[in-house]
Amino acid sequence: MKNFSKLALVALFIASGAFVTSCNDDDDKAAEPASLYAKLGGTTMVADPNNPSQMIEQGRLSYRSVVDSTITLIVADIVTGAEGNLGAHFAPIVSEVSSGNATNVSILSKNLTDFFSANTGGGATNVYTGLDMVAAHDPAQNPRMGVKSTDADYDKFIGYVGAAAGLNGVTDPQLINEVVAVLESLRAPIVQE
């Protein structure tokens, strides 16, 4: 009977240790929700459609695709003269593009992609080195910005981002809400009128 009791105690000790270890593993996984960057593809390397000989992180590609589509939608509204377009904000860049110079559009795309990738969990491979949000959206500090933004302008911009996300397959309402939450967290430094 004593041998049975000792074996039972050893088995119980081993089983409880395994239970505690498995619970701790589950707690660690549950405590670390996936970043927005991870939800948009994370660090999985994929071929870059803009340069097929290079690889790009899927999360960064997702952001760049939405950023580029947002820029395209904004420019399309400016060109067609759509009511309430954001032409005044992007007048310096649109003027340059009309003259055949797309350099600042490329810089804008890279800066926005860097900013969102770096600030939503992109890790050490994604770094934003551009202007802070106040300076970036103040024409006195950033010659690529035409005018200061109002709340209505920013609402319109968020609408463009939502439309661009849909064009790029980002349709999960929870994911879209997370993107909107990031954009809303930037409203105060961006809206300066």
N, C-alpha and C. Protein backbone atom coordinates (compact mmCIF):
# COMPACT_ATOMS: atom_id res chain seq x y z
N MET A 1 0.83 -1.19 0.00
CA MET A 1 0.00 0.00 0.00
C MET A 1 0.87 1.25 0.00
N LYS A 2 1.99 1.22 0.76
CA LYS A 2 2.85 2.39 0.81
C LYS A 2 3.48 2.66 -0.56
N ASN A 3 3.89 1.58 -1.26
CA ASN A 3 4.46 1.77 -2.59
C ASN A 3 3.43 2.38 -3.52
N PHE A 4 2.20 1.94 -3.43
CA PHE A 4 1.14 2.48 -4.27
C PHE A 4 0.94 3.96 -3.96
N SER A 5 0.95 4.34 -2.70
CA SER A 5 0.76 5.73 -2.31
C SER A 5 1.90 6.60 -2.83
N LYS A 6 3.14 6.12 -2.73
CA LYS A 6 4.27 6.88 -3.24
C LYS A 6 4.18 7.06 -4.75
N LEU A 7 3.81 5.99 -5.44
CA LEU A 7 3.66 6.08 -6.89
C LEU A 7 2.53 7.04 -7.26
N ALA A 8 1.46 6.97 -6.50
CA ALA A 8 0.32 7.86 -6.76
C ALA A 8 0.72 9.31 -6.54
N LEU A 9 1.49 9.58 -5.48
CA LEU A 9 1.94 10.94 -5.22
C LEU A 9 2.88 11.43 -6.32
N VAL A 10 3.81 10.57 -6.77
CA VAL A 10 4.72 10.95 -7.84
C VAL A 10 3.93 11.24 -9.11
N ALA A 11 2.98 10.37 -9.44
CA ALA A 11 2.15 10.56 -10.64
C ALA A 11 1.34 11.85 -10.52
N LEU A 12 0.77 12.12 -9.35
CA LEU A 12 0.00 13.33 -9.13
C LEU A 12 0.90 14.56 -9.27
N PHE A 13 2.12 14.49 -8.73
CA PHE A 13 3.06 15.60 -8.83
C PHE A 13 3.42 15.88 -10.30
N ILE A 14 3.71 14.82 -11.05
CA ILE A 14 4.06 14.99 -12.47
C ILE A 14 2.87 15.55 -13.24
N ALA A 15 1.69 15.02 -12.98
CA ALA A 15 0.49 15.48 -13.68
C ALA A 15 0.19 16.94 -13.35
N SER A 16 0.33 17.33 -12.08
CA SER A 16 0.05 18.71 -11.72
C SER A 16 1.09 19.65 -12.33
N GLY A 17 2.35 19.20 -12.41
CA GLY A 17 3.37 20.01 -13.05
C GLY A 17 3.07 20.21 -14.53
N ALA A 18 2.63 19.17 -15.20
CA ALA A 18 2.27 19.28 -16.61
C ALA A 18 1.08 20.21 -16.78
N PHE A 19 0.11 20.12 -15.87
CA PHE A 19 -1.07 20.98 -15.94
C PHE A 19 -0.69 22.45 -15.76
N VAL A 20 0.14 22.73 -14.76
CA VAL A 20 0.56 24.11 -14.51
C VAL A 20 1.35 24.64 -15.70
N THR A 21 2.24 23.81 -16.25
CA THR A 21 3.02 24.24 -17.41
C THR A 21 2.11 24.53 -18.59
N SER A 22 1.14 23.65 -18.85
CA SER A 22 0.26 23.88 -20.00
C SER A 22 -0.62 25.09 -19.76
N CYS A 23 -1.05 25.33 -18.55
CA CYS A 23 -1.84 26.52 -18.26
C CYS A 23 -1.01 27.78 -18.46
N ASN A 24 0.24 27.74 -18.01
CA ASN A 24 1.11 28.90 -18.18
C ASN A 24 1.34 29.19 -19.66
N ASP A 25 1.52 28.16 -20.48
CA ASP A 25 1.70 28.37 -21.91
C ASP A 25 0.46 29.01 -22.50
N ASP A 26 -0.73 28.53 -22.11
CA ASP A 26 -1.97 29.09 -22.62
C ASP A 26 -2.12 30.55 -22.18
N ASP A 27 -1.76 30.83 -20.92
CA ASP A 27 -1.88 32.20 -20.42
C ASP A 27 -0.98 33.14 -21.20
N ASP A 28 0.26 32.69 -21.51
CA ASP A 28 1.17 33.54 -22.27
C ASP A 28 0.62 33.84 -23.65
N LYS A 29 0.05 32.82 -24.30
CA LYS A 29 -0.51 33.03 -25.63
C LYS A 29 -1.72 33.96 -25.57
N ALA A 30 -2.55 33.79 -24.56
CA ALA A 30 -3.75 34.62 -24.44
C ALA A 30 -3.41 36.05 -24.05
N ALA A 31 -2.31 36.23 -23.31
CA ALA A 31 -1.95 37.56 -22.84
C ALA A 31 -1.36 38.44 -23.95
N GLU A 32 -0.92 37.84 -25.03
CA GLU A 32 -0.29 38.60 -26.10
C GLU A 32 -1.16 38.56 -27.36
N PRO A 33 -2.10 39.49 -27.47
CA PRO A 33 -2.93 39.49 -28.68
C PRO A 33 -2.07 39.89 -29.88
N ALA A 34 -2.45 39.40 -31.03
CA ALA A 34 -1.71 39.71 -32.25
C ALA A 34 -1.80 41.20 -32.54
N SER A 35 -0.69 41.77 -32.97
CA SER A 35 -0.67 43.19 -33.34
C SER A 35 -1.46 43.38 -34.63
N LEU A 36 -1.82 44.61 -34.90
CA LEU A 36 -2.51 44.91 -36.15
C LEU A 36 -1.62 44.55 -37.33
N TYR A 37 -0.33 44.80 -37.20
CA TYR A 37 0.62 44.46 -38.25
C TYR A 37 0.57 42.95 -38.53
N ALA A 38 0.56 42.15 -37.45
CA ALA A 38 0.50 40.70 -37.60
C ALA A 38 -0.81 40.28 -38.27
N LYS A 39 -1.89 40.92 -37.89
CA LYS A 39 -3.19 40.57 -38.48
C LYS A 39 -3.26 40.91 -39.97
N LEU A 40 -2.43 41.86 -40.40
CA LEU A 40 -2.39 42.23 -41.82
C LEU A 40 -1.34 41.43 -42.59
N GLY A 41 -0.81 40.39 -41.97
CA GLY A 41 0.13 39.51 -42.65
C GLY A 41 1.45 39.35 -41.95
N GLY A 42 1.76 40.29 -41.06
CA GLY A 42 2.96 40.17 -40.24
C GLY A 42 4.26 40.10 -41.01
N THR A 43 5.18 39.32 -40.48
CA THR A 43 6.54 39.27 -41.01
C THR A 43 6.75 38.18 -42.05
N THR A 44 5.68 37.51 -42.45
CA THR A 44 5.81 36.51 -43.51
C THR A 44 6.32 37.19 -44.78
N MET A 45 7.38 36.66 -45.33
CA MET A 45 8.00 37.25 -46.52
C MET A 45 7.27 36.77 -47.78
N VAL A 46 6.96 37.72 -48.66
CA VAL A 46 6.29 37.43 -49.93
C VAL A 46 6.99 38.23 -51.03
N ALA A 47 6.76 37.83 -52.27
CA ALA A 47 7.33 38.57 -53.39
C ALA A 47 6.68 39.95 -53.45
N ASP A 48 7.50 40.96 -53.70
CA ASP A 48 7.01 42.33 -53.81
C ASP A 48 6.47 42.53 -55.23
N PRO A 49 5.17 42.78 -55.36
CA PRO A 49 4.60 42.93 -56.71
C PRO A 49 5.18 44.13 -57.47
N ASN A 50 5.70 45.13 -56.75
CA ASN A 50 6.32 46.28 -57.41
C ASN A 50 7.75 45.99 -57.85
N ASN A 51 8.35 44.96 -57.28
CA ASN A 51 9.71 44.57 -57.62
C ASN A 51 9.84 43.06 -57.37
N PRO A 52 9.38 42.23 -58.31
CA PRO A 52 9.31 40.78 -58.09
C PRO A 52 10.63 40.10 -57.70
N SER A 53 11.75 40.74 -57.93
CA SER A 53 13.03 40.13 -57.53
C SER A 53 13.33 40.35 -56.05
N GLN A 54 12.47 41.11 -55.37
CA GLN A 54 12.67 41.37 -53.94
C GLN A 54 11.52 40.80 -53.13
N MET A 55 11.80 40.57 -51.86
CA MET A 55 10.79 40.09 -50.92
C MET A 55 10.39 41.25 -50.01
N ILE A 56 9.17 41.17 -49.47
CA ILE A 56 8.66 42.19 -48.58
C ILE A 56 7.81 41.49 -47.52
N GLU A 57 7.77 42.04 -46.32
CA GLU A 57 6.90 41.47 -45.29
C GLU A 57 5.45 41.69 -45.70
N GLN A 58 4.62 40.67 -45.50
CA GLN A 58 3.22 40.76 -45.89
C GLN A 58 2.51 41.91 -45.18
N GLY A 59 2.81 42.15 -43.92
CA GLY A 59 2.19 43.26 -43.20
C GLY A 59 2.52 44.60 -43.83
N ARG A 60 3.77 44.77 -44.19
CA ARG A 60 4.20 46.03 -44.84
C ARG A 60 3.56 46.16 -46.21
N LEU A 61 3.49 45.06 -46.96
CA LEU A 61 2.85 45.08 -48.27
C LEU A 61 1.37 45.45 -48.13
N SER A 62 0.71 44.92 -47.11
CA SER A 62 -0.70 45.26 -46.88
C SER A 62 -0.87 46.75 -46.65
N TYR A 63 -0.02 47.31 -45.78
CA TYR A 63 -0.10 48.75 -45.54
C TYR A 63 0.21 49.54 -46.80
N ARG A 64 1.28 49.18 -47.50
CA ARG A 64 1.64 49.92 -48.70
C ARG A 64 0.52 49.87 -49.74
N SER A 65 -0.12 48.72 -49.88
CA SER A 65 -1.21 48.58 -50.85
C SER A 65 -2.37 49.50 -50.50
N VAL A 66 -2.73 49.55 -49.22
CA VAL A 66 -3.83 50.43 -48.80
C VAL A 66 -3.42 51.89 -48.94
N VAL A 67 -2.19 52.22 -48.56
CA VAL A 67 -1.71 53.60 -48.69
C VAL A 67 -1.74 54.03 -50.16
N ASP A 68 -1.20 53.21 -51.04
CA ASP A 68 -1.16 53.58 -52.45
C ASP A 68 -2.56 53.69 -53.04
N SER A 69 -3.47 52.81 -52.64
CA SER A 69 -4.85 52.91 -53.11
C SER A 69 -5.53 54.15 -52.57
N THR A 70 -5.23 54.52 -51.32
CA THR A 70 -5.79 55.75 -50.73
C THR A 70 -5.32 56.96 -51.53
N ILE A 71 -4.04 57.01 -51.83
CA ILE A 71 -3.49 58.13 -52.62
C ILE A 71 -4.18 58.17 -53.99
N THR A 72 -4.34 57.02 -54.62
CA THR A 72 -5.00 56.97 -55.94
C THR A 72 -6.43 57.48 -55.87
N LEU A 73 -7.17 57.07 -54.84
CA LEU A 73 -8.56 57.53 -54.69
C LEU A 73 -8.63 59.04 -54.47
N ILE A 74 -7.74 59.56 -53.65
CA ILE A 74 -7.71 61.00 -53.39
C ILE A 74 -7.40 61.76 -54.68
N VAL A 75 -6.39 61.32 -55.40
CA VAL A 75 -6.00 62.00 -56.65
C VAL A 75 -7.12 61.90 -57.68
N ALA A 76 -7.78 60.75 -57.77
CA ALA A 76 -8.89 60.60 -58.72
C ALA A 76 -10.00 61.60 -58.43
N ASP A 77 -10.31 61.80 -57.14
CA ASP A 77 -11.34 62.79 -56.78
C ASP A 77 -10.88 64.21 -57.10
N ILE A 78 -9.59 64.47 -56.93
CA ILE A 78 -9.06 65.81 -57.24
C ILE A 78 -9.16 66.06 -58.75
N VAL A 79 -8.73 65.08 -59.53
CA VAL A 79 -8.71 65.22 -60.99
C VAL A 79 -10.13 65.39 -61.54
N THR A 80 -11.08 64.64 -61.00
CA THR A 80 -12.46 64.72 -61.51
C THR A 80 -13.23 65.88 -60.90
N GLY A 81 -12.64 66.56 -59.92
CA GLY A 81 -13.31 67.69 -59.29
C GLY A 81 -14.45 67.27 -58.38
N ALA A 82 -14.35 66.07 -57.80
CA ALA A 82 -15.40 65.59 -56.90
C ALA A 82 -15.59 66.56 -55.74
N GLU A 83 -16.84 66.73 -55.36
CA GLU A 83 -17.17 67.66 -54.28
C GLU A 83 -16.49 67.24 -52.98
N GLY A 84 -15.93 68.22 -52.28
CA GLY A 84 -15.31 67.95 -50.99
C GLY A 84 -13.99 67.20 -51.09
N ASN A 85 -13.36 67.20 -52.27
CA ASN A 85 -12.09 66.47 -52.38
C ASN A 85 -11.01 67.16 -51.55
N LEU A 86 -9.93 66.45 -51.36
CA LEU A 86 -8.84 66.95 -50.52
C LEU A 86 -7.74 67.62 -51.33
N GLY A 87 -8.10 68.15 -52.49
CA GLY A 87 -7.13 68.76 -53.40
C GLY A 87 -6.27 69.84 -52.78
N ALA A 88 -6.86 70.68 -51.94
CA ALA A 88 -6.09 71.77 -51.34
C ALA A 88 -4.97 71.23 -50.45
N HIS A 89 -5.19 70.09 -49.83
CA HIS A 89 -4.19 69.50 -48.94
C HIS A 89 -3.00 68.96 -49.73
N PHE A 90 -3.29 68.40 -50.89
CA PHE A 90 -2.26 67.75 -51.66
C PHE A 90 -1.85 68.54 -52.90
N ALA A 91 -2.22 69.82 -52.96
CA ALA A 91 -1.93 70.66 -54.13
C ALA A 91 -0.46 70.66 -54.52
N PRO A 92 0.48 70.79 -53.57
CA PRO A 92 1.89 70.78 -53.98
C PRO A 92 2.30 69.47 -54.67
N ILE A 93 1.84 68.36 -54.14
CA ILE A 93 2.20 67.06 -54.71
C ILE A 93 1.50 66.87 -56.06
N VAL A 94 0.22 67.22 -56.13
CA VAL A 94 -0.52 67.06 -57.39
C VAL A 94 0.10 67.93 -58.48
N SER A 95 0.53 69.12 -58.12
CA SER A 95 1.19 70.02 -59.07
C SER A 95 2.47 69.38 -59.61
N GLU A 96 3.24 68.78 -58.72
CA GLU A 96 4.47 68.12 -59.14
C GLU A 96 4.18 66.95 -60.07
N VAL A 97 3.18 66.13 -59.71
CA VAL A 97 2.83 64.97 -60.53
C VAL A 97 2.36 65.43 -61.91
N SER A 98 1.60 66.52 -61.95
CA SER A 98 1.13 67.06 -63.23
C SER A 98 2.30 67.48 -64.11
N SER A 99 3.43 67.82 -63.49
CA SER A 99 4.63 68.21 -64.23
C SER A 99 5.52 67.01 -64.54
N GLY A 100 5.05 65.81 -64.17
CA GLY A 100 5.81 64.59 -64.45
C GLY A 100 6.77 64.17 -63.35
N ASN A 101 6.69 64.79 -62.18
CA ASN A 101 7.58 64.46 -61.08
C ASN A 101 6.78 63.70 -60.01
N ALA A 102 7.03 62.40 -59.89
CA ALA A 102 6.31 61.58 -58.91
C ALA A 102 7.14 61.32 -57.66
N THR A 103 8.25 62.01 -57.50
CA THR A 103 9.16 61.77 -56.38
C THR A 103 8.45 61.93 -55.03
N ASN A 104 7.72 63.03 -54.85
CA ASN A 104 7.09 63.27 -53.55
C ASN A 104 5.91 62.34 -53.29
N VAL A 105 5.27 61.83 -54.33
CA VAL A 105 4.22 60.82 -54.13
C VAL A 105 4.87 59.56 -53.58
N SER A 106 6.01 59.20 -54.13
CA SER A 106 6.75 58.02 -53.63
C SER A 106 7.18 58.22 -52.19
N ILE A 107 7.65 59.42 -51.87
CA ILE A 107 8.06 59.73 -50.50
C ILE A 107 6.86 59.65 -49.56
N LEU A 108 5.72 60.21 -49.99
CA LEU A 108 4.50 60.15 -49.17
C LEU A 108 4.10 58.71 -48.92
N SER A 109 4.10 57.89 -49.96
CA SER A 109 3.74 56.47 -49.81
C SER A 109 4.68 55.77 -48.84
N LYS A 110 5.97 55.99 -49.01
CA LYS A 110 6.95 55.34 -48.12
C LYS A 110 6.78 55.82 -46.68
N ASN A 111 6.64 57.13 -46.49
CA ASN A 111 6.49 57.66 -45.13
C ASN A 111 5.25 57.10 -44.44
N LEU A 112 4.12 57.08 -45.14
CA LEU A 112 2.89 56.55 -44.54
C LEU A 112 3.02 55.05 -44.24
N THR A 113 3.61 54.32 -45.17
CA THR A 113 3.81 52.88 -44.96
C THR A 113 4.75 52.64 -43.78
N ASP A 114 5.84 53.40 -43.72
CA ASP A 114 6.77 53.29 -42.59
C ASP A 114 6.06 53.61 -41.28
N PHE A 115 5.30 54.70 -41.27
CA PHE A 115 4.64 55.14 -40.04
C PHE A 115 3.69 54.07 -39.51
N PHE A 116 2.81 53.59 -40.37
CA PHE A 116 1.83 52.60 -39.91
C PHE A 116 2.48 51.26 -39.57
N SER A 117 3.45 50.84 -40.36
CA SER A 117 4.13 49.58 -40.08
C SER A 117 4.88 49.65 -38.75
N ALA A 118 5.59 50.73 -38.51
CA ALA A 118 6.38 50.88 -37.29
C ALA A 118 5.51 51.00 -36.05
N ASN A 119 4.35 51.61 -36.19
CA ASN A 119 3.53 51.92 -35.00
C ASN A 119 2.39 50.95 -34.75
N THR A 120 2.33 49.87 -35.49
CA THR A 120 1.27 48.88 -35.24
C THR A 120 1.84 47.48 -35.08
N GLY A 121 3.12 47.39 -34.70
CA GLY A 121 3.70 46.10 -34.39
C GLY A 121 4.64 45.55 -35.43
N GLY A 122 5.11 46.39 -36.35
CA GLY A 122 6.00 45.93 -37.41
C GLY A 122 7.40 45.55 -36.97
N GLY A 123 7.76 45.90 -35.77
CA GLY A 123 9.06 45.48 -35.25
C GLY A 123 10.22 46.29 -35.79
N ALA A 124 11.41 45.79 -35.51
CA ALA A 124 12.65 46.50 -35.80
C ALA A 124 12.90 46.72 -37.29
N THR A 125 12.28 45.92 -38.14
CA THR A 125 12.53 46.08 -39.57
C THR A 125 11.74 47.24 -40.17
N ASN A 126 10.81 47.80 -39.42
CA ASN A 126 9.99 48.91 -39.90
C ASN A 126 10.21 50.12 -39.00
N VAL A 127 10.84 51.14 -39.55
CA VAL A 127 11.19 52.33 -38.78
C VAL A 127 10.65 53.56 -39.50
N TYR A 128 10.04 54.45 -38.72
CA TYR A 128 9.56 55.72 -39.27
C TYR A 128 10.52 56.82 -38.86
N THR A 129 11.05 57.55 -39.83
CA THR A 129 12.00 58.62 -39.54
C THR A 129 11.50 59.97 -40.04
N GLY A 130 10.24 60.03 -40.43
CA GLY A 130 9.68 61.27 -40.95
C GLY A 130 9.34 62.26 -39.85
N LEU A 131 8.65 63.31 -40.26
CA LEU A 131 8.22 64.36 -39.33
C LEU A 131 7.21 63.83 -38.33
N ASP A 132 7.11 64.49 -37.15
CA ASP A 132 6.05 64.12 -36.23
C ASP A 132 4.72 64.55 -36.85
N MET A 133 3.61 64.07 -36.35
CA MET A 133 2.31 64.29 -36.98
C MET A 133 1.91 65.77 -37.03
N VAL A 134 2.27 66.55 -36.04
CA VAL A 134 1.94 67.98 -36.07
C VAL A 134 2.70 68.66 -37.20
N ALA A 135 4.01 68.46 -37.25
CA ALA A 135 4.83 69.09 -38.29
C ALA A 135 4.46 68.59 -39.69
N ALA A 136 4.18 67.30 -39.81
CA ALA A 136 3.85 66.73 -41.13
C ALA A 136 2.59 67.32 -41.72
N HIS A 137 1.67 67.78 -40.87
CA HIS A 137 0.38 68.29 -41.35
C HIS A 137 0.25 69.80 -41.23
N ASP A 138 1.36 70.46 -40.99
CA ASP A 138 1.38 71.93 -40.90
C ASP A 138 2.13 72.48 -42.12
N PRO A 139 1.41 73.17 -43.03
CA PRO A 139 2.06 73.69 -44.24
C PRO A 139 3.27 74.59 -43.95
N ALA A 140 3.29 75.24 -42.80
CA ALA A 140 4.42 76.10 -42.46
C ALA A 140 5.69 75.27 -42.19
N GLN A 141 5.51 74.01 -41.79
CA GLN A 141 6.65 73.15 -41.49
C GLN A 141 6.90 72.08 -42.55
N ASN A 142 5.90 71.84 -43.39
CA ASN A 142 6.01 70.80 -44.42
C ASN A 142 5.50 71.36 -45.75
N PRO A 143 6.40 71.70 -46.66
CA PRO A 143 5.99 72.30 -47.93
C PRO A 143 5.18 71.37 -48.83
N ARG A 144 5.13 70.08 -48.50
CA ARG A 144 4.31 69.15 -49.30
C ARG A 144 2.85 69.18 -48.86
N MET A 145 2.54 69.87 -47.76
CA MET A 145 1.15 69.97 -47.28
C MET A 145 0.59 71.31 -47.73
N GLY A 146 -0.57 71.28 -48.38
CA GLY A 146 -1.16 72.50 -48.93
C GLY A 146 -1.84 73.38 -47.91
N VAL A 147 -2.72 72.79 -47.10
CA VAL A 147 -3.46 73.54 -46.08
C VAL A 147 -3.63 72.65 -44.84
N LYS A 148 -3.99 73.29 -43.73
CA LYS A 148 -4.26 72.53 -42.50
C LYS A 148 -5.59 71.79 -42.62
N SER A 149 -5.72 70.71 -41.86
CA SER A 149 -6.91 69.86 -41.91
C SER A 149 -7.96 70.26 -40.89
N THR A 150 -9.21 70.05 -41.28
CA THR A 150 -10.35 70.19 -40.37
C THR A 150 -10.84 68.79 -40.02
N ASP A 151 -11.76 68.71 -39.07
CA ASP A 151 -12.35 67.41 -38.74
C ASP A 151 -13.05 66.80 -39.95
N ALA A 152 -13.74 67.62 -40.72
CA ALA A 152 -14.43 67.12 -41.92
C ALA A 152 -13.43 66.56 -42.93
N ASP A 153 -12.30 67.24 -43.11
CA ASP A 153 -11.25 66.74 -44.00
C ASP A 153 -10.74 65.38 -43.53
N TYR A 154 -10.52 65.29 -42.23
CA TYR A 154 -9.97 64.04 -41.69
C TYR A 154 -10.99 62.91 -41.80
N ASP A 155 -12.27 63.23 -41.58
CA ASP A 155 -13.32 62.22 -41.77
C ASP A 155 -13.30 61.72 -43.21
N LYS A 156 -13.14 62.63 -44.14
CA LYS A 156 -13.07 62.26 -45.56
C LYS A 156 -11.86 61.36 -45.81
N PHE A 157 -10.72 61.71 -45.23
CA PHE A 157 -9.52 60.89 -45.38
C PHE A 157 -9.75 59.48 -44.84
N ILE A 158 -10.36 59.37 -43.66
CA ILE A 158 -10.66 58.04 -43.09
C ILE A 158 -11.56 57.26 -44.04
N GLY A 159 -12.51 57.94 -44.68
CA GLY A 159 -13.35 57.28 -45.68
C GLY A 159 -12.55 56.74 -46.85
N TYR A 160 -11.58 57.52 -47.31
CA TYR A 160 -10.70 57.05 -48.39
C TYR A 160 -9.93 55.80 -47.95
N VAL A 161 -9.41 55.82 -46.73
CA VAL A 161 -8.66 54.67 -46.23
C VAL A 161 -9.57 53.44 -46.16
N GLY A 162 -10.80 53.63 -45.70
CA GLY A 162 -11.75 52.51 -45.64
C GLY A 162 -12.04 51.94 -47.02
N ALA A 163 -12.25 52.82 -47.98
CA ALA A 163 -12.50 52.37 -49.36
C ALA A 163 -11.27 51.64 -49.91
N ALA A 164 -10.09 52.18 -49.64
CA ALA A 164 -8.85 51.56 -50.12
C ALA A 164 -8.64 50.20 -49.46
N ALA A 165 -8.97 50.09 -48.18
CA ALA A 165 -8.84 48.80 -47.49
C ALA A 165 -9.73 47.76 -48.17
N GLY A 166 -10.97 48.15 -48.46
CA GLY A 166 -11.88 47.23 -49.15
C GLY A 166 -11.37 46.81 -50.51
N LEU A 167 -10.78 47.74 -51.24
CA LEU A 167 -10.21 47.42 -52.55
C LEU A 167 -9.06 46.42 -52.45
N ASN A 168 -8.45 46.37 -51.29
CA ASN A 168 -7.30 45.47 -51.07
C ASN A 168 -7.66 44.25 -50.23
N GLY A 169 -8.95 43.95 -50.13
CA GLY A 169 -9.38 42.73 -49.47
C GLY A 169 -9.49 42.79 -47.96
N VAL A 170 -9.32 43.97 -47.37
CA VAL A 170 -9.46 44.11 -45.92
C VAL A 170 -10.93 44.44 -45.65
N THR A 171 -11.70 43.41 -45.34
CA THR A 171 -13.14 43.60 -45.18
C THR A 171 -13.67 43.14 -43.82
N ASP A 172 -12.83 42.54 -43.01
CA ASP A 172 -13.24 42.08 -41.68
C ASP A 172 -13.58 43.30 -40.82
N PRO A 173 -14.83 43.41 -40.35
CA PRO A 173 -15.23 44.59 -39.57
C PRO A 173 -14.35 44.84 -38.34
N GLN A 174 -13.93 43.78 -37.65
CA GLN A 174 -13.07 43.98 -36.47
C GLN A 174 -11.72 44.58 -36.87
N LEU A 175 -11.17 44.10 -37.96
CA LEU A 175 -9.89 44.62 -38.44
C LEU A 175 -10.03 46.07 -38.88
N ILE A 176 -11.10 46.37 -39.58
CA ILE A 176 -11.36 47.75 -40.02
C ILE A 176 -11.52 48.66 -38.81
N ASN A 177 -12.21 48.19 -37.78
CA ASN A 177 -12.36 48.99 -36.55
C ASN A 177 -11.01 49.27 -35.91
N GLU A 178 -10.09 48.30 -35.97
CA GLU A 178 -8.75 48.52 -35.41
C GLU A 178 -7.99 49.57 -36.22
N VAL A 179 -8.13 49.51 -37.54
CA VAL A 179 -7.49 50.51 -38.40
C VAL A 179 -8.06 51.90 -38.10
N VAL A 180 -9.39 51.97 -37.99
CA VAL A 180 -10.04 53.26 -37.68
C VAL A 180 -9.59 53.76 -36.31
N ALA A 181 -9.44 52.87 -35.34
CA ALA A 181 -8.97 53.28 -34.01
C ALA A 181 -7.58 53.90 -34.09
N VAL A 182 -6.70 53.31 -34.92
CA VAL A 182 -5.36 53.88 -35.10
C VAL A 182 -5.49 55.28 -35.71
N LEU A 183 -6.31 55.40 -36.75
CA LEU A 183 -6.49 56.70 -37.41
C LEU A 183 -7.09 57.73 -36.44
N GLU A 184 -8.05 57.32 -35.65
CA GLU A 184 -8.67 58.23 -34.68
C GLU A 184 -7.67 58.67 -33.62
N SER A 185 -6.73 57.79 -33.27
CA SER A 185 -5.73 58.17 -32.27
C SER A 185 -4.80 59.27 -32.79
N LEU A 186 -4.82 59.50 -34.10
CA LEU A 186 -3.97 60.52 -34.70
C LEU A 186 -4.72 61.82 -35.01
N ARG A 187 -6.01 61.84 -34.75
CA ARG A 187 -6.83 63.00 -35.11
C ARG A 187 -6.30 64.30 -34.48
N ALA A 188 -6.02 64.29 -33.19
CA ALA A 188 -5.63 65.53 -32.49
C ALA A 188 -4.39 66.19 -33.10
N PRO A 189 -3.30 65.48 -33.37
CA PRO A 189 -2.15 66.17 -33.95
C PRO A 189 -2.33 66.52 -35.43
N ILE A 190 -3.21 65.82 -36.13
CA ILE A 190 -3.37 66.07 -37.57
C ILE A 190 -4.35 67.21 -37.84
N VAL A 191 -5.48 67.21 -37.13
CA VAL A 191 -6.49 68.26 -37.34
C VAL A 191 -6.01 69.52 -36.62
N GLN A 192 -5.70 70.55 -37.41
CA GLN A 192 -5.13 71.77 -36.84
C GLN A 192 -5.98 73.00 -37.13
N GLU A 193 -7.14 72.84 -37.68
CA GLU A 193 -8.06 73.98 -37.95
C GLU A 193 -9.33 73.77 -37.19
